[in-house]
N, C-alpha and C. Protein backbone atom coordinates (compact mmCIF):
# COMPACT_ATOMS: atom_id res chain seq x y z
N MET A 1 129.49 88.48 94.34
CA MET A 1 129.64 90.08 93.63
C MET A 1 130.67 90.68 93.86
N THR A 2 131.64 90.95 92.57
CA THR A 2 132.61 91.53 92.75
C THR A 2 132.57 93.12 92.27
N ASN A 3 131.90 93.26 91.22
CA ASN A 3 131.26 94.84 90.88
C ASN A 3 131.41 95.63 92.07
N ARG A 4 132.27 96.74 92.13
CA ARG A 4 132.36 97.59 92.92
C ARG A 4 131.08 98.68 92.52
N VAL A 5 130.63 99.18 91.60
CA VAL A 5 129.31 99.61 91.31
C VAL A 5 128.30 99.08 91.72
N GLU A 6 127.97 97.62 91.58
CA GLU A 6 127.09 96.94 92.04
C GLU A 6 127.04 97.10 93.47
N LYS A 7 128.16 97.08 94.02
CA LYS A 7 128.09 97.18 95.83
C LYS A 7 127.61 98.73 96.16
N LEU A 8 128.25 99.55 95.41
CA LEU A 8 127.74 101.04 96.02
C LEU A 8 126.16 101.13 95.73
N SER A 9 125.86 100.60 94.53
CA SER A 9 124.56 100.61 94.36
C SER A 9 123.40 99.99 95.40
N LEU A 10 123.74 98.86 95.82
CA LEU A 10 123.18 98.29 96.77
C LEU A 10 122.86 99.17 97.84
N LEU A 11 124.28 99.32 98.53
CA LEU A 11 124.21 100.25 99.69
C LEU A 11 123.44 101.35 99.47
N SER A 12 123.66 101.97 98.46
CA SER A 12 122.97 103.33 98.29
C SER A 12 121.29 103.08 98.54
N GLU A 13 120.70 102.21 97.62
CA GLU A 13 119.72 101.40 97.65
C GLU A 13 119.17 101.53 98.83
N MET A 14 119.67 100.72 99.86
CA MET A 14 119.44 100.24 101.06
C MET A 14 119.41 101.58 102.21
N ILE A 15 120.44 102.57 101.63
CA ILE A 15 120.47 103.88 102.62
C ILE A 15 119.08 104.82 102.20
N ALA A 16 118.68 104.65 100.96
CA ALA A 16 117.30 105.46 100.91
C ALA A 16 116.32 104.91 101.39
N PHE A 17 116.20 103.43 101.38
CA PHE A 17 115.23 102.65 102.23
C PHE A 17 114.88 103.15 103.38
N ALA A 18 116.20 103.12 104.03
CA ALA A 18 116.35 103.79 105.54
C ALA A 18 115.80 104.77 105.86
N LYS A 19 116.35 105.61 104.91
CA LYS A 19 116.03 107.12 105.30
C LYS A 19 114.49 107.53 104.85
N GLY A 20 113.79 106.99 103.95
CA GLY A 20 112.56 107.26 103.66
C GLY A 20 112.02 108.59 104.05
N ASP A 21 111.44 108.99 104.86
CA ASP A 21 111.05 110.16 105.17
C ASP A 21 111.72 111.06 105.95
N THR A 22 112.59 110.21 106.80
CA THR A 22 113.10 110.85 107.82
C THR A 22 114.82 110.58 107.76
N ASN A 23 115.77 110.96 108.79
CA ASN A 23 117.02 110.64 108.73
C ASN A 23 117.07 109.19 109.41
N LEU A 24 118.41 108.99 109.09
CA LEU A 24 118.74 107.66 109.47
C LEU A 24 118.97 107.38 111.19
N LYS A 25 118.17 106.45 111.87
CA LYS A 25 118.57 106.34 113.25
C LYS A 25 119.53 105.67 113.33
N PRO A 26 120.43 105.71 114.71
CA PRO A 26 121.63 105.36 114.79
C PRO A 26 121.52 103.84 114.50
N ILE A 27 120.46 102.91 114.96
CA ILE A 27 120.57 101.50 114.80
C ILE A 27 120.50 101.11 113.38
N GLU A 28 120.04 102.18 112.41
CA GLU A 28 120.21 101.70 110.87
C GLU A 28 121.27 102.13 110.42
N PHE A 29 122.15 103.10 111.15
CA PHE A 29 123.15 103.50 110.63
C PHE A 29 124.05 102.74 110.78
N ASN A 30 124.17 101.99 111.82
CA ASN A 30 125.18 100.90 112.28
C ASN A 30 125.07 99.75 111.40
N PHE A 31 123.90 99.38 111.45
CA PHE A 31 123.35 98.12 110.38
C PHE A 31 124.05 98.44 108.91
N LEU A 32 123.77 99.64 108.51
CA LEU A 32 124.29 99.85 107.12
C LEU A 32 125.78 100.02 106.83
N LEU A 33 126.23 100.22 108.00
CA LEU A 33 128.02 100.21 108.14
C LEU A 33 128.32 98.95 108.27
N ALA A 34 127.63 98.41 108.86
CA ALA A 34 128.20 96.71 108.86
C ALA A 34 127.94 95.95 107.44
N VAL A 35 126.89 96.21 106.94
CA VAL A 35 126.51 95.94 105.60
C VAL A 35 127.74 96.38 104.35
N ALA A 36 128.16 97.76 104.68
CA ALA A 36 129.13 98.20 104.01
C ALA A 36 130.48 97.67 104.28
N LYS A 37 130.96 97.47 105.25
CA LYS A 37 132.14 96.37 105.58
C LYS A 37 131.73 95.06 105.26
N GLN A 38 130.68 94.42 105.26
CA GLN A 38 130.76 93.06 104.57
C GLN A 38 130.77 93.07 103.04
N LEU A 39 130.51 93.99 102.30
CA LEU A 39 130.48 94.51 101.16
C LEU A 39 131.97 95.06 100.74
N GLU A 40 132.57 95.43 101.63
CA GLU A 40 134.25 96.06 101.38
C GLU A 40 134.27 97.10 100.83
N VAL A 41 133.11 97.98 101.16
CA VAL A 41 132.90 99.45 100.73
C VAL A 41 133.51 100.25 102.06
N SER A 42 134.59 101.36 101.69
CA SER A 42 135.17 101.89 102.41
C SER A 42 134.33 102.75 103.20
N ARG A 43 134.64 103.24 104.33
CA ARG A 43 133.93 104.20 105.03
C ARG A 43 133.80 105.44 104.65
N GLU A 44 134.72 105.92 103.78
CA GLU A 44 134.68 107.43 103.01
C GLU A 44 133.47 106.89 101.87
N ASP A 45 133.48 105.99 100.94
CA ASP A 45 132.85 105.80 100.30
C ASP A 45 130.85 105.99 100.87
N PHE A 46 131.09 105.18 101.90
CA PHE A 46 129.95 104.93 102.83
C PHE A 46 129.29 106.11 102.97
N ASP A 47 130.24 107.03 103.71
CA ASP A 47 130.03 108.38 104.14
C ASP A 47 129.42 109.46 102.86
N TYR A 48 130.12 109.09 101.80
CA TYR A 48 129.61 109.97 100.50
C TYR A 48 128.07 109.45 100.16
N LEU A 49 128.02 108.02 100.45
CA LEU A 49 126.61 107.68 99.74
C LEU A 49 125.39 107.83 100.74
N ILE A 50 125.68 108.46 101.83
CA ILE A 50 124.98 108.62 102.82
C ILE A 50 123.99 110.46 102.40
N SER A 51 125.24 111.37 101.86
CA SER A 51 124.44 112.50 101.36
C SER A 51 124.07 112.20 99.84
N ASN A 52 124.90 111.65 99.30
CA ASN A 52 124.84 111.64 97.78
C ASN A 52 124.50 110.41 96.98
N PRO A 53 123.14 109.86 97.15
CA PRO A 53 122.56 108.82 96.70
C PRO A 53 123.14 108.66 94.71
N ILE A 54 123.36 107.16 94.66
CA ILE A 54 123.33 106.55 93.36
C ILE A 54 122.65 106.19 92.85
N ASN A 55 122.30 106.09 91.44
CA ASN A 55 121.34 105.48 90.77
C ASN A 55 121.28 103.60 91.13
N GLY A 56 120.14 103.18 91.26
CA GLY A 56 120.31 101.84 91.56
C GLY A 56 120.52 100.74 90.14
N ILE A 57 120.75 99.84 90.27
CA ILE A 57 120.86 98.67 89.28
C ILE A 57 120.17 97.37 89.45
N VAL A 58 119.72 96.73 88.74
CA VAL A 58 118.92 95.21 88.83
C VAL A 58 120.13 94.21 88.99
N LEU A 59 120.15 93.51 89.97
CA LEU A 59 121.14 92.55 90.09
C LEU A 59 120.68 91.47 88.95
N LYS A 60 121.42 90.79 88.25
CA LYS A 60 121.38 89.98 87.24
C LYS A 60 120.94 88.29 88.27
N SER A 61 121.92 88.24 88.75
CA SER A 61 121.70 86.82 89.46
C SER A 61 120.27 86.67 90.51
N HIS A 62 119.36 85.76 90.37
CA HIS A 62 118.42 85.50 91.23
C HIS A 62 119.00 85.61 92.68
N SER A 63 120.04 84.62 93.32
CA SER A 63 120.53 84.43 94.27
C SER A 63 120.82 85.99 95.04
N GLU A 64 121.23 86.81 94.28
CA GLU A 64 122.05 87.96 94.58
C GLU A 64 120.76 88.96 95.14
N ARG A 65 119.56 88.86 94.41
CA ARG A 65 118.55 89.64 94.58
C ARG A 65 117.65 89.19 95.65
N ILE A 66 117.85 88.10 96.10
CA ILE A 66 117.32 87.15 97.22
C ILE A 66 118.03 87.92 98.32
N VAL A 67 119.25 87.88 98.13
CA VAL A 67 120.10 88.27 99.52
C VAL A 67 119.99 89.59 99.66
N GLN A 68 119.63 90.43 98.50
CA GLN A 68 119.73 92.01 98.90
C GLN A 68 118.07 92.30 99.27
N PHE A 69 117.04 91.50 99.19
CA PHE A 69 115.93 91.41 99.86
C PHE A 69 115.75 91.28 101.27
N HIS A 70 116.54 90.32 101.38
CA HIS A 70 116.66 89.67 102.85
C HIS A 70 117.33 90.69 103.93
N ARG A 71 118.41 91.86 102.95
CA ARG A 71 119.04 92.65 103.79
C ARG A 71 117.96 93.93 104.31
N LEU A 72 117.08 94.25 103.12
CA LEU A 72 116.26 94.97 103.27
C LEU A 72 114.95 94.75 104.33
N VAL A 73 114.77 93.29 104.45
CA VAL A 73 113.77 93.07 105.45
C VAL A 73 114.31 93.02 106.62
N LEU A 74 115.75 92.88 107.06
CA LEU A 74 116.23 93.14 108.28
C LEU A 74 116.37 94.51 108.73
N LEU A 75 116.87 95.22 107.48
CA LEU A 75 116.95 96.85 108.08
C LEU A 75 115.36 97.53 108.21
N ALA A 76 114.17 96.61 107.45
CA ALA A 76 113.12 97.64 107.86
C ALA A 76 112.67 97.10 109.13
N HIS A 77 113.23 96.07 110.01
CA HIS A 77 112.55 95.47 111.34
C HIS A 77 113.60 95.85 112.18
N LEU A 78 114.46 96.72 111.93
CA LEU A 78 115.55 96.75 113.27
C LEU A 78 115.25 97.31 114.44
N ASP A 79 113.89 98.19 114.24
CA ASP A 79 113.38 98.78 115.52
C ASP A 79 112.31 98.07 116.02
N SER A 80 112.05 96.85 115.39
CA SER A 80 111.03 95.99 116.02
C SER A 80 109.43 96.49 115.97
N LYS A 81 109.24 97.83 115.03
CA LYS A 81 107.93 98.02 114.86
C LYS A 81 107.42 97.95 113.52
N ARG A 82 105.94 97.41 113.68
CA ARG A 82 105.39 96.94 112.54
C ARG A 82 104.86 98.27 111.75
N SER A 83 105.10 98.34 110.47
CA SER A 83 104.93 99.58 109.53
C SER A 83 104.06 99.15 108.29
N GLY A 84 102.79 99.52 107.99
CA GLY A 84 102.34 99.35 106.87
C GLY A 84 103.02 99.79 105.52
N LYS A 85 103.74 100.80 105.99
CA LYS A 85 104.19 101.79 104.71
C LYS A 85 105.69 101.01 104.37
N ASP A 86 106.53 100.41 105.39
CA ASP A 86 107.38 99.75 105.43
C ASP A 86 107.34 98.69 104.63
N GLU A 87 106.20 97.85 104.85
CA GLU A 87 105.97 96.40 104.28
C GLU A 87 105.61 96.92 102.60
N ALA A 88 105.01 97.86 102.64
CA ALA A 88 104.59 98.38 100.97
C ALA A 88 105.65 98.55 100.11
N LYS A 89 106.89 99.30 101.11
CA LYS A 89 108.03 99.62 100.42
C LYS A 89 108.82 98.15 100.31
N LEU A 90 108.91 97.31 100.88
CA LEU A 90 109.31 96.13 100.93
C LEU A 90 108.61 95.41 99.64
N PHE A 91 107.72 95.39 99.54
CA PHE A 91 106.86 94.55 98.44
C PHE A 91 107.15 95.15 97.17
N ASN A 92 107.22 96.63 97.37
CA ASN A 92 107.50 97.55 95.77
C ASN A 92 108.97 97.16 95.44
N TYR A 93 109.89 97.35 96.30
CA TYR A 93 111.28 96.83 96.03
C TYR A 93 111.58 95.51 95.82
N GLY A 94 110.57 94.63 96.31
CA GLY A 94 110.80 93.18 95.82
C GLY A 94 110.58 93.19 94.17
N LEU A 95 109.29 93.67 94.30
CA LEU A 95 108.95 93.54 92.58
C LEU A 95 110.03 94.33 91.55
N LYS A 96 110.40 95.37 92.26
CA LYS A 96 111.50 96.02 91.40
C LYS A 96 112.72 95.51 91.02
N MET A 97 112.73 94.34 92.08
CA MET A 97 114.31 93.50 91.67
C MET A 97 113.57 92.37 91.04
N GLY A 98 112.61 92.35 90.50
CA GLY A 98 112.02 91.27 89.64
C GLY A 98 111.70 90.17 90.59
N LEU A 99 111.54 89.87 92.00
CA LEU A 99 111.10 88.85 92.64
C LEU A 99 109.80 88.61 92.52
N ASN A 100 109.38 87.17 92.57
CA ASN A 100 108.07 86.78 92.57
C ASN A 100 107.16 87.18 93.66
N HIS A 101 105.93 87.94 93.10
CA HIS A 101 104.99 88.50 93.70
C HIS A 101 104.44 87.68 94.93
N GLU A 102 104.37 86.64 94.56
CA GLU A 102 103.77 85.49 95.74
C GLU A 102 104.75 85.34 96.84
N SER A 103 106.09 85.01 96.47
CA SER A 103 106.81 84.83 97.39
C SER A 103 107.09 86.09 98.35
N ILE A 104 107.23 87.26 97.91
CA ILE A 104 107.26 88.19 98.58
C ILE A 104 106.17 88.75 99.55
N MET A 105 104.55 88.05 99.09
CA MET A 105 103.60 88.09 100.03
C MET A 105 103.78 87.19 101.02
N ARG A 106 104.32 86.23 100.59
CA ARG A 106 104.44 84.98 101.68
C ARG A 106 105.80 85.37 102.87
N VAL A 107 106.60 86.01 102.31
CA VAL A 107 107.84 86.43 103.13
C VAL A 107 107.15 87.50 104.36
N LEU A 108 106.36 88.19 104.14
CA LEU A 108 105.75 89.64 104.48
C LEU A 108 104.86 88.72 105.33
N TYR A 109 104.10 87.60 105.07
CA TYR A 109 102.87 86.95 106.15
C TYR A 109 103.65 86.26 107.03
N LEU A 110 104.88 85.90 106.63
CA LEU A 110 105.46 84.90 107.59
C LEU A 110 106.10 85.53 108.55
N MET A 111 106.73 86.89 108.55
CA MET A 111 107.20 87.85 109.66
C MET A 111 106.64 87.70 110.66
N ASP A 112 105.50 87.62 111.08
CA ASP A 112 104.90 87.94 112.54
C ASP A 112 105.10 86.45 112.96
N GLY A 113 105.33 85.37 112.56
CA GLY A 113 105.39 84.02 113.47
C GLY A 113 106.88 83.89 113.87
N PHE A 114 108.09 85.08 113.20
CA PHE A 114 109.45 84.80 113.97
C PHE A 114 109.85 85.89 115.00
N PRO A 115 110.49 85.61 116.10
CA PRO A 115 111.18 86.53 116.82
C PRO A 115 111.53 87.72 116.13
N ASP A 116 111.17 88.69 116.95
CA ASP A 116 111.44 90.33 115.87
C ASP A 116 110.86 90.42 114.64
N ARG A 117 110.15 89.29 114.10
CA ARG A 117 109.75 89.55 112.77
C ARG A 117 110.67 89.54 111.68
N VAL A 118 111.90 88.54 112.06
CA VAL A 118 113.18 88.52 111.22
C VAL A 118 112.77 86.85 110.62
N VAL A 119 112.44 87.09 109.24
CA VAL A 119 112.44 85.68 108.65
C VAL A 119 114.09 85.17 108.71
N PRO A 120 114.23 84.05 108.90
CA PRO A 120 115.59 83.32 108.97
C PRO A 120 115.84 83.10 107.25
N ALA A 121 117.39 83.48 106.94
CA ALA A 121 117.89 83.28 105.75
C ALA A 121 117.17 82.21 104.95
N GLU A 122 117.39 80.89 105.66
CA GLU A 122 117.07 79.64 105.03
C GLU A 122 115.61 79.28 104.62
N VAL A 123 114.55 80.01 105.41
CA VAL A 123 113.18 79.94 104.96
C VAL A 123 112.96 81.04 104.10
N LEU A 124 113.38 81.93 103.91
CA LEU A 124 113.44 83.03 102.97
C LEU A 124 114.05 82.37 101.59
N ILE A 125 115.25 81.81 101.81
CA ILE A 125 115.78 81.12 100.32
C ILE A 125 114.77 79.96 99.97
N ASP A 126 114.05 79.23 100.89
CA ASP A 126 113.06 78.21 100.32
C ASP A 126 111.95 78.52 99.54
N ILE A 127 111.81 79.66 100.49
CA ILE A 127 110.17 80.45 99.94
C ILE A 127 110.37 80.97 98.43
N PHE A 128 111.66 81.50 97.87
CA PHE A 128 111.69 82.01 96.39
C PHE A 128 112.29 80.80 95.81
N ARG A 129 112.84 79.76 96.48
CA ARG A 129 113.15 78.35 95.67
C ARG A 129 111.99 77.72 95.05
N THR A 130 111.04 77.82 96.02
CA THR A 130 109.86 77.32 95.60
C THR A 130 109.19 77.65 94.62
N GLN A 131 109.00 79.14 94.57
CA GLN A 131 108.29 79.93 93.58
C GLN A 131 109.30 79.80 91.97
N TYR A 132 110.74 79.41 92.44
CA TYR A 132 111.56 80.02 91.35
C TYR A 132 111.49 78.72 90.48
N ASN A 133 111.10 77.25 90.97
CA ASN A 133 111.00 76.10 89.90
C ASN A 133 109.81 75.97 89.57
């Protein structure tokens, strides 16, 4: 992904997801800052997005949507707490991204079988690849 607007949009979407009804926890802030660095988004832009969200865009590439969904899964489980509200948000974000509902449900179901409820990237990709074919 090379488009700056897409990167800022993805990061803004993740910030909104993490904030939910509360402020960012330090662990969430640090994770989001690491994602910003990975996406080559400046600290200045990151700080701006914290208080000024921008509109989200739908990624065209199926693989980019899967990667973004995986980031949201990781973000949702940073504190290792299970929340039906977070799982509903994950499900809805996945649908909004155009991902297969059965694949999303499978990921949410399989999370309990992994340490810290984090589905490895390879497993997640295989789940979506099976449904995509």
